[in-house]
Amino acid sequence: MSHFSKIVFFIVGFVWIPVVLGKISAWLFHDEELKYAGFWAVVFLLNYLLFPFVRKSRMFSKIHAKYVLFAILYLPFAVVLFLLKLL
């Protein structure tokens, strides 16, 4: 049952998180939503694949709340998106 719930959480997260972040990005930049949702979907997959390695690193070993760590992982991509939009 645990594997099934992980699969369901991944699918729901992959559908929900990029759309929500895409809508927020589109609202902030006064632009269309579709390209931002695709960007955040790629970021979601990268974070999902890199999370086990980041969690074991010494730099992030003090952070025990995984949602805070996810927010820290999303932050550089948000900064890059903001800087690219300024150019």
N, C-alpha and C. Protein backbone atom coordinates (compact mmCIF):
# COMPACT_ATOMS: atom_id res chain seq x y z
N MET A 1 0.81 -1.19 0.00
CA MET A 1 0.00 0.00 0.00
C MET A 1 0.86 1.26 0.00
N SER A 2 2.03 1.17 0.61
CA SER A 2 2.92 2.33 0.68
C SER A 2 3.41 2.74 -0.71
N HIS A 3 3.73 1.75 -1.54
CA HIS A 3 4.19 2.06 -2.89
C HIS A 3 3.07 2.70 -3.71
N PHE A 4 1.86 2.22 -3.51
CA PHE A 4 0.72 2.79 -4.23
C PHE A 4 0.50 4.25 -3.85
N SER A 5 0.60 4.55 -2.56
CA SER A 5 0.40 5.94 -2.14
C SER A 5 1.52 6.85 -2.65
N LYS A 6 2.74 6.34 -2.74
CA LYS A 6 3.84 7.14 -3.30
C LYS A 6 3.59 7.45 -4.77
N ILE A 7 3.08 6.48 -5.50
CA ILE A 7 2.77 6.70 -6.91
C ILE A 7 1.66 7.72 -7.06
N VAL A 8 0.63 7.60 -6.24
CA VAL A 8 -0.49 8.54 -6.30
C VAL A 8 -0.02 9.95 -5.95
N PHE A 9 0.80 10.08 -4.89
CA PHE A 9 1.31 11.40 -4.50
C PHE A 9 2.19 12.00 -5.59
N PHE A 10 2.99 11.18 -6.28
CA PHE A 10 3.81 11.69 -7.36
C PHE A 10 2.94 12.21 -8.50
N ILE A 11 1.94 11.45 -8.89
CA ILE A 11 1.06 11.86 -10.00
C ILE A 11 0.28 13.11 -9.63
N VAL A 12 -0.27 13.15 -8.44
CA VAL A 12 -1.03 14.33 -8.01
C VAL A 12 -0.10 15.54 -7.92
N GLY A 13 1.10 15.34 -7.39
CA GLY A 13 2.07 16.44 -7.31
C GLY A 13 2.51 16.91 -8.67
N PHE A 14 2.70 15.99 -9.61
CA PHE A 14 3.14 16.36 -10.95
C PHE A 14 2.05 17.11 -11.71
N VAL A 15 0.80 16.83 -11.38
CA VAL A 15 -0.31 17.53 -12.03
C VAL A 15 -0.60 18.86 -11.33
N TRP A 16 -0.53 18.88 -10.02
CA TRP A 16 -0.98 20.03 -9.25
C TRP A 16 0.10 21.10 -9.07
N ILE A 17 1.30 20.73 -8.68
CA ILE A 17 2.34 21.71 -8.36
C ILE A 17 2.75 22.55 -9.56
N PRO A 18 3.07 21.97 -10.73
CA PRO A 18 3.45 22.83 -11.86
C PRO A 18 2.33 23.76 -12.32
N VAL A 19 1.09 23.31 -12.23
CA VAL A 19 -0.02 24.17 -12.65
C VAL A 19 -0.17 25.36 -11.69
N VAL A 20 -0.10 25.09 -10.41
CA VAL A 20 -0.23 26.17 -9.42
C VAL A 20 0.94 27.15 -9.54
N LEU A 21 2.16 26.64 -9.63
CA LEU A 21 3.31 27.52 -9.77
C LEU A 21 3.29 28.25 -11.11
N GLY A 22 2.77 27.60 -12.15
CA GLY A 22 2.63 28.26 -13.44
C GLY A 22 1.63 29.39 -13.40
N LYS A 23 0.53 29.19 -12.69
CA LYS A 23 -0.46 30.26 -12.56
C LYS A 23 0.09 31.42 -11.74
N ILE A 24 0.83 31.13 -10.70
CA ILE A 24 1.44 32.20 -9.90
C ILE A 24 2.46 32.97 -10.73
N SER A 25 3.29 32.24 -11.50
CA SER A 25 4.28 32.90 -12.35
C SER A 25 3.61 33.75 -13.43
N ALA A 26 2.55 33.22 -14.03
CA ALA A 26 1.84 33.97 -15.06
C ALA A 26 1.20 35.22 -14.48
N TRP A 27 0.68 35.12 -13.28
CA TRP A 27 0.08 36.28 -12.62
C TRP A 27 1.14 37.32 -12.29
N LEU A 28 2.31 36.87 -11.82
CA LEU A 28 3.37 37.81 -11.48
C LEU A 28 3.94 38.52 -12.71
N PHE A 29 4.06 37.78 -13.80
CA PHE A 29 4.68 38.32 -15.01
C PHE A 29 3.67 38.82 -16.02
N HIS A 30 2.39 38.73 -15.73
CA HIS A 30 1.32 39.16 -16.65
C HIS A 30 1.50 38.51 -18.02
N ASP A 31 1.59 37.20 -18.02
CA ASP A 31 1.89 36.46 -19.23
C ASP A 31 0.99 35.23 -19.28
N GLU A 32 1.16 34.41 -20.32
CA GLU A 32 0.33 33.20 -20.43
C GLU A 32 0.89 32.10 -19.53
N GLU A 33 0.01 31.23 -19.13
CA GLU A 33 0.33 30.24 -18.12
C GLU A 33 1.04 29.00 -18.66
N LEU A 34 0.79 28.62 -19.89
CA LEU A 34 1.23 27.32 -20.39
C LEU A 34 2.74 27.14 -20.37
N LYS A 35 3.48 28.16 -20.75
CA LYS A 35 4.93 27.98 -20.77
C LYS A 35 5.51 27.87 -19.37
N TYR A 36 4.90 28.52 -18.40
CA TYR A 36 5.40 28.43 -17.04
C TYR A 36 5.08 27.09 -16.41
N ALA A 37 3.94 26.53 -16.72
CA ALA A 37 3.59 25.21 -16.20
C ALA A 37 4.56 24.16 -16.71
N GLY A 38 4.97 24.27 -17.96
CA GLY A 38 5.97 23.34 -18.49
C GLY A 38 7.32 23.50 -17.81
N PHE A 39 7.72 24.73 -17.56
CA PHE A 39 8.97 24.99 -16.84
C PHE A 39 8.93 24.37 -15.46
N TRP A 40 7.83 24.60 -14.73
CA TRP A 40 7.73 24.07 -13.38
C TRP A 40 7.58 22.55 -13.37
N ALA A 41 7.06 21.96 -14.44
CA ALA A 41 6.99 20.50 -14.52
C ALA A 41 8.39 19.91 -14.63
N VAL A 42 9.24 20.54 -15.42
CA VAL A 42 10.63 20.08 -15.53
C VAL A 42 11.35 20.25 -14.20
N VAL A 43 11.12 21.37 -13.53
CA VAL A 43 11.72 21.61 -12.23
C VAL A 43 11.23 20.58 -11.21
N PHE A 44 9.95 20.23 -11.27
CA PHE A 44 9.40 19.21 -10.37
C PHE A 44 10.12 17.88 -10.57
N LEU A 45 10.30 17.48 -11.82
CA LEU A 45 10.99 16.21 -12.09
C LEU A 45 12.44 16.25 -11.64
N LEU A 46 13.13 17.36 -11.89
CA LEU A 46 14.51 17.49 -11.43
C LEU A 46 14.61 17.41 -9.92
N ASN A 47 13.74 18.12 -9.23
CA ASN A 47 13.74 18.09 -7.77
C ASN A 47 13.39 16.70 -7.25
N TYR A 48 12.47 16.03 -7.90
CA TYR A 48 12.08 14.69 -7.48
C TYR A 48 13.24 13.71 -7.63
N LEU A 49 14.00 13.85 -8.71
CA LEU A 49 15.13 12.96 -8.93
C LEU A 49 16.33 13.30 -8.05
N LEU A 50 16.54 14.58 -7.78
CA LEU A 50 17.71 15.00 -7.00
C LEU A 50 17.47 15.00 -5.49
N PHE A 51 16.23 14.91 -5.05
CA PHE A 51 15.92 15.03 -3.63
C PHE A 51 16.65 14.01 -2.76
N PRO A 52 16.73 12.73 -3.12
CA PRO A 52 17.45 11.79 -2.24
C PRO A 52 18.93 12.14 -2.08
N PHE A 53 19.56 12.64 -3.13
CA PHE A 53 20.96 13.00 -3.04
C PHE A 53 21.16 14.27 -2.21
N VAL A 54 20.27 15.20 -2.37
CA VAL A 54 20.36 16.45 -1.62
C VAL A 54 20.07 16.19 -0.14
N ARG A 55 19.14 15.32 0.14
CA ARG A 55 18.76 15.02 1.53
C ARG A 55 19.92 14.40 2.28
N LYS A 56 20.78 13.63 1.59
CA LYS A 56 21.91 12.97 2.24
C LYS A 56 23.15 13.85 2.30
N SER A 57 23.14 14.97 1.62
CA SER A 57 24.33 15.83 1.61
C SER A 57 24.53 16.47 2.98
N ARG A 58 25.76 16.80 3.27
CA ARG A 58 26.08 17.38 4.57
C ARG A 58 25.51 18.79 4.72
N MET A 59 25.40 19.49 3.60
CA MET A 59 24.92 20.86 3.66
C MET A 59 23.46 20.93 4.12
N PHE A 60 22.64 19.97 3.72
CA PHE A 60 21.22 19.99 4.05
C PHE A 60 20.86 18.97 5.13
N SER A 61 21.83 18.36 5.77
CA SER A 61 21.53 17.32 6.76
C SER A 61 20.86 17.88 8.01
N LYS A 62 21.00 19.16 8.29
CA LYS A 62 20.39 19.76 9.48
C LYS A 62 18.90 20.06 9.29
N ILE A 63 18.44 20.10 8.05
CA ILE A 63 17.03 20.41 7.77
C ILE A 63 16.25 19.10 7.80
N HIS A 64 15.36 18.98 8.76
CA HIS A 64 14.61 17.73 8.92
C HIS A 64 13.23 17.78 8.28
N ALA A 65 12.70 18.96 8.05
CA ALA A 65 11.39 19.08 7.41
C ALA A 65 11.56 19.01 5.89
N LYS A 66 11.03 17.98 5.28
CA LYS A 66 11.27 17.79 3.85
C LYS A 66 10.57 18.84 3.00
N TYR A 67 9.48 19.42 3.50
CA TYR A 67 8.79 20.45 2.71
C TYR A 67 9.60 21.74 2.68
N VAL A 68 10.32 22.03 3.74
CA VAL A 68 11.22 23.18 3.75
C VAL A 68 12.35 22.94 2.76
N LEU A 69 12.84 21.72 2.72
CA LEU A 69 13.90 21.38 1.77
C LEU A 69 13.40 21.49 0.33
N PHE A 70 12.17 21.07 0.07
CA PHE A 70 11.60 21.24 -1.27
C PHE A 70 11.50 22.71 -1.64
N ALA A 71 11.09 23.53 -0.69
CA ALA A 71 11.01 24.97 -0.95
C ALA A 71 12.39 25.55 -1.25
N ILE A 72 13.41 25.09 -0.54
CA ILE A 72 14.77 25.55 -0.80
C ILE A 72 15.23 25.10 -2.18
N LEU A 73 14.83 23.91 -2.60
CA LEU A 73 15.20 23.42 -3.93
C LEU A 73 14.49 24.18 -5.04
N TYR A 74 13.27 24.62 -4.81
CA TYR A 74 12.53 25.39 -5.82
C TYR A 74 13.00 26.83 -5.91
N LEU A 75 13.55 27.36 -4.85
CA LEU A 75 13.92 28.77 -4.79
C LEU A 75 14.93 29.18 -5.88
N PRO A 76 16.02 28.44 -6.12
CA PRO A 76 16.94 28.86 -7.19
C PRO A 76 16.29 28.91 -8.57
N PHE A 77 15.38 27.98 -8.83
CA PHE A 77 14.70 27.98 -10.13
C PHE A 77 13.77 29.18 -10.25
N ALA A 78 13.15 29.57 -9.16
CA ALA A 78 12.30 30.76 -9.18
C ALA A 78 13.13 32.01 -9.43
N VAL A 79 14.30 32.07 -8.83
CA VAL A 79 15.20 33.22 -9.05
C VAL A 79 15.67 33.26 -10.50
N VAL A 80 16.04 32.10 -11.04
CA VAL A 80 16.46 32.04 -12.44
C VAL A 80 15.34 32.46 -13.37
N LEU A 81 14.12 32.01 -13.11
CA LEU A 81 12.98 32.41 -13.94
C LEU A 81 12.76 33.90 -13.86
N PHE A 82 12.86 34.47 -12.67
CA PHE A 82 12.67 35.91 -12.51
C PHE A 82 13.77 36.68 -13.25
N LEU A 83 15.02 36.21 -13.15
CA LEU A 83 16.12 36.90 -13.83
C LEU A 83 16.00 36.78 -15.35
N LEU A 84 15.58 35.63 -15.83
CA LEU A 84 15.38 35.47 -17.28
C LEU A 84 14.25 36.36 -17.78
N LYS A 85 13.24 36.53 -16.96
CA LYS A 85 12.11 37.37 -17.37
C LYS A 85 12.51 38.85 -17.41
N LEU A 86 13.48 39.25 -16.58
CA LEU A 86 13.93 40.63 -16.58
C LEU A 86 14.74 40.98 -17.83
N LEU A 87 15.39 39.97 -18.41
CA LEU A 87 16.22 40.23 -19.60
C LEU A 87 15.42 40.50 -20.81
